[in-house]
C-alpha atoms as a PDB file:
ATOM      1  CA  MET A   1      -5.686 -13.680 -13.944  1.00  0.00           C
ATOM      2  CA  ALA A   2      -2.750 -12.129 -12.152  1.00  0.00           C
ATOM      3  CA  ARG A   3      -3.075 -11.580  -8.407  1.00  0.00           C
ATOM      4  CA  ALA A   4      -1.523  -8.890  -6.269  1.00  0.00           C
ATOM      5  CA  SER A   5      -1.825  -7.409  -2.812  1.00  0.00           C
ATOM      6  CA  GLN A   6      -3.230  -3.996  -2.046  1.00  0.00           C
ATOM      7  CA  PHE A   7      -2.027  -2.370   1.157  1.00  0.00           C
ATOM      8  CA  THR A   8      -4.145   0.281   2.849  1.00  0.00           C
ATOM      9  CA  LEU A   9      -2.251   2.499   5.287  1.00  0.00           C
ATOM     10  CA  SER A  10      -3.875   4.967   7.660  1.00  0.00           C
ATOM     11  CA  HIS A  11      -1.614   7.871   8.564  1.00  0.00           C
ATOM     12  CA  GLU A  12      -1.518  11.485   9.652  1.00  0.00           C
ATOM     13  CA  ASN A  13      -2.271  14.013   6.886  1.00  0.00           C
ATOM     14  CA  ARG A  14       0.960  15.983   6.963  1.00  0.00           C
ATOM     15  CA  PRO A  15       3.721  16.992   4.547  1.00  0.00           C
ATOM     16  CA  GLY A  16       6.161  14.142   3.995  1.00  0.00           C
ATOM     17  CA  ALA A  17       3.848  11.279   5.013  1.00  0.00           C
ATOM     18  CA  LEU A  18       3.639   9.822   1.501  1.00  0.00           C
ATOM     19  CA  ALA A  19       7.361  10.394   0.941  1.00  0.00           C
ATOM     20  CA  TYR A  20       8.107   8.413   4.119  1.00  0.00           C
ATOM     21  CA  ILE A  21       5.960   5.488   2.949  1.00  0.00           C
ATOM     22  CA  ALA A  22       7.640   5.527  -0.482  1.00  0.00           C
ATOM     23  CA  LYS A  23      11.115   5.666   1.098  1.00  0.00           C
ATOM     24  CA  VAL A  24      10.396   2.718   3.394  1.00  0.00           C
ATOM     25  CA  LEU A  25       9.236   0.638   0.433  1.00  0.00           C
ATOM     26  CA  GLY A  26      12.005   1.883  -1.863  1.00  0.00           C
ATOM     27  CA  ASP A  27      14.679   1.002   0.680  1.00  0.00           C
ATOM     28  CA  ALA A  28      13.198  -2.530   0.754  1.00  0.00           C
ATOM     29  CA  LYS A  29      13.381  -2.702  -3.080  1.00  0.00           C
ATOM     30  CA  VAL A  30       9.583  -2.766  -3.399  1.00  0.00           C
ATOM     31  CA  ASN A  31       8.099  -1.169  -6.532  1.00  0.00           C
ATOM     32  CA  ILE A  32       4.752   0.622  -6.354  1.00  0.00           C
ATOM     33  CA  PHE A  33       2.426  -0.275  -9.254  1.00  0.00           C
ATOM     34  CA  ALA A  34      -0.499   1.918  -8.137  1.00  0.00           C
ATOM     35  CA  CYS A  35      -1.086   4.527  -5.451  1.00  0.00           C
ATOM     36  CA  LEU A  36      -4.177   6.400  -4.258  1.00  0.00           C
ATOM     37  CA  THR A  37      -4.007   8.795  -1.323  1.00  0.00           C
ATOM     38  CA  THR A  38      -6.986  10.605   0.160  1.00  0.00           C
ATOM     39  CA  ALA A  39      -7.212  12.958   3.098  1.00  0.00           C
ATOM     40  CA  SER A  40      -9.877  14.358   5.368  1.00  0.00           C
ATOM     41  CA  GLY A  41      -8.823  16.804   8.034  1.00  0.00           C
ATOM     42  CA  ASN A  42      -5.801  15.419   9.870  1.00  0.00           C
ATOM     43  CA  GLU A  43      -6.234  11.846   8.631  1.00  0.00           C
ATOM     44  CA  GLY A  44      -4.772  10.366   5.456  1.00  0.00           C
ATOM     45  CA  LEU A  45      -5.413   7.031   3.763  1.00  0.00           C
ATOM     46  CA  THR A  46      -3.051   5.548   1.183  1.00  0.00           C
ATOM     47  CA  ARG A  47      -3.784   2.487  -0.929  1.00  0.00           C
ATOM     48  CA  LEU A  48      -0.857   0.811  -2.687  1.00  0.00           C
ATOM     49  CA  ILE A  49      -0.424  -2.102  -5.065  1.00  0.00           C
ATOM     50  CA  VAL A  50       3.148  -3.329  -4.991  1.00  0.00           C
ATOM     51  CA  ASP A  51       5.246  -5.928  -6.771  1.00  0.00           C
ATOM     52  CA  ARG A  52       6.636  -7.724  -3.707  1.00  0.00           C
ATOM     53  CA  ALA A  53       4.032  -8.059  -0.967  1.00  0.00           C
ATOM     54  CA  ASP A  54       6.307 -10.167   1.238  1.00  0.00           C
ATOM     55  CA  LYS A  55       9.027  -7.512   1.243  1.00  0.00           C
ATOM     56  CA  ALA A  56       6.437  -4.743   1.770  1.00  0.00           C
ATOM     57  CA  LYS A  57       5.102  -6.487   4.883  1.00  0.00           C
ATOM     58  CA  GLN A  58       8.623  -6.895   6.260  1.00  0.00           C
ATOM     59  CA  ALA A  59       9.338  -3.194   5.692  1.00  0.00           C
ATOM     60  CA  LEU A  60       6.074  -1.572   6.824  1.00  0.00           C
ATOM     61  CA  ALA A  61       5.726  -3.031  10.318  1.00  0.00           C
ATOM     62  CA  PRO A  62       9.198  -2.120  11.655  1.00  0.00           C
ATOM     63  CA  ALA A  63       8.748   1.396  10.225  1.00  0.00           C
ATOM     64  CA  GLY A  64       5.665   1.866  12.399  1.00  0.00           C
ATOM     65  CA  LEU A  65       3.273   1.768   9.447  1.00  0.00           C
ATOM     66  CA  GLY A  66       0.166  -0.274  10.189  1.00  0.00           C
ATOM     67  CA  TYR A  67      -1.784  -1.630   7.239  1.00  0.00           C
ATOM     68  CA  THR A  68      -4.559  -3.856   6.030  1.00  0.00           C
ATOM     69  CA  GLU A  69      -3.929  -6.184   3.109  1.00  0.00           C
ATOM     70  CA  THR A  70      -6.434  -6.930   0.361  1.00  0.00           C
ATOM     71  CA  ASP A  71      -6.082  -9.456  -2.467  1.00  0.00           C
ATOM     72  CA  VAL A  72      -6.787  -7.956  -5.889  1.00  0.00           C
ATOM     73  CA  LEU A  73      -7.063  -9.411  -9.393  1.00  0.00           C
ATOM     74  CA  ARG A  74      -5.770  -7.801 -12.558  1.00  0.00           C
ATOM     75  CA  ASP A  75      -8.430  -8.230 -15.252  1.00  0.00           C
ATOM     76  CA  ALA A  76      -6.785  -5.994 -17.891  1.00  0.00           C
ATOM     77  CA  PRO A  77      -3.610  -3.910 -18.045  1.00  0.00           C
ATOM     78  CA  GLY A  78      -3.900  -1.270 -15.343  1.00  0.00           C
ATOM     79  CA  HIS A  79      -7.231  -2.560 -13.973  1.00  0.00           C
ATOM     80  CA  TRP A  80      -7.501  -4.162 -10.528  1.00  0.00           C
ATOM     81  CA  GLN A  81     -10.450  -5.664  -8.629  1.00  0.00           C
ATOM     82  CA  VAL A  82     -10.713  -6.153  -4.854  1.00  0.00           C
ATOM     83  CA  THR A  83     -11.497  -9.779  -3.974  1.00  0.00           C
ATOM     84  CA  LYS A  84     -11.117 -10.171  -0.184  1.00  0.00           C
ATOM     85  CA  ILE A  85      -9.816  -8.411   2.897  1.00  0.00           C
ATOM     86  CA  SER A  86      -7.496  -9.652   5.640  1.00  0.00           C
ATOM     87  CA  PHE A  87      -6.414  -7.464   8.538  1.00  0.00           C
ATOM     88  CA  LYS A  88      -2.848  -7.314   9.896  1.00  0.00           C
END
């Protein structure tokens, strides 16, 4: 089964927050395979599966975007399963 990394970013729920995350990753030539953003009050949470986890890590930290990283498995096209969590 294919493996990937899922990044979970906690951020302020405000206009442009998701665009900023996408720009940081886009500038680093990282493609987003999947994205889920939720919000409650002033807090937002975005989960991303990307194609180049190493490049994503290098781009997120200097941009001031903290994250947790989770390994996921692809069991069928478009389906991902969480397998373990590591905190950064």
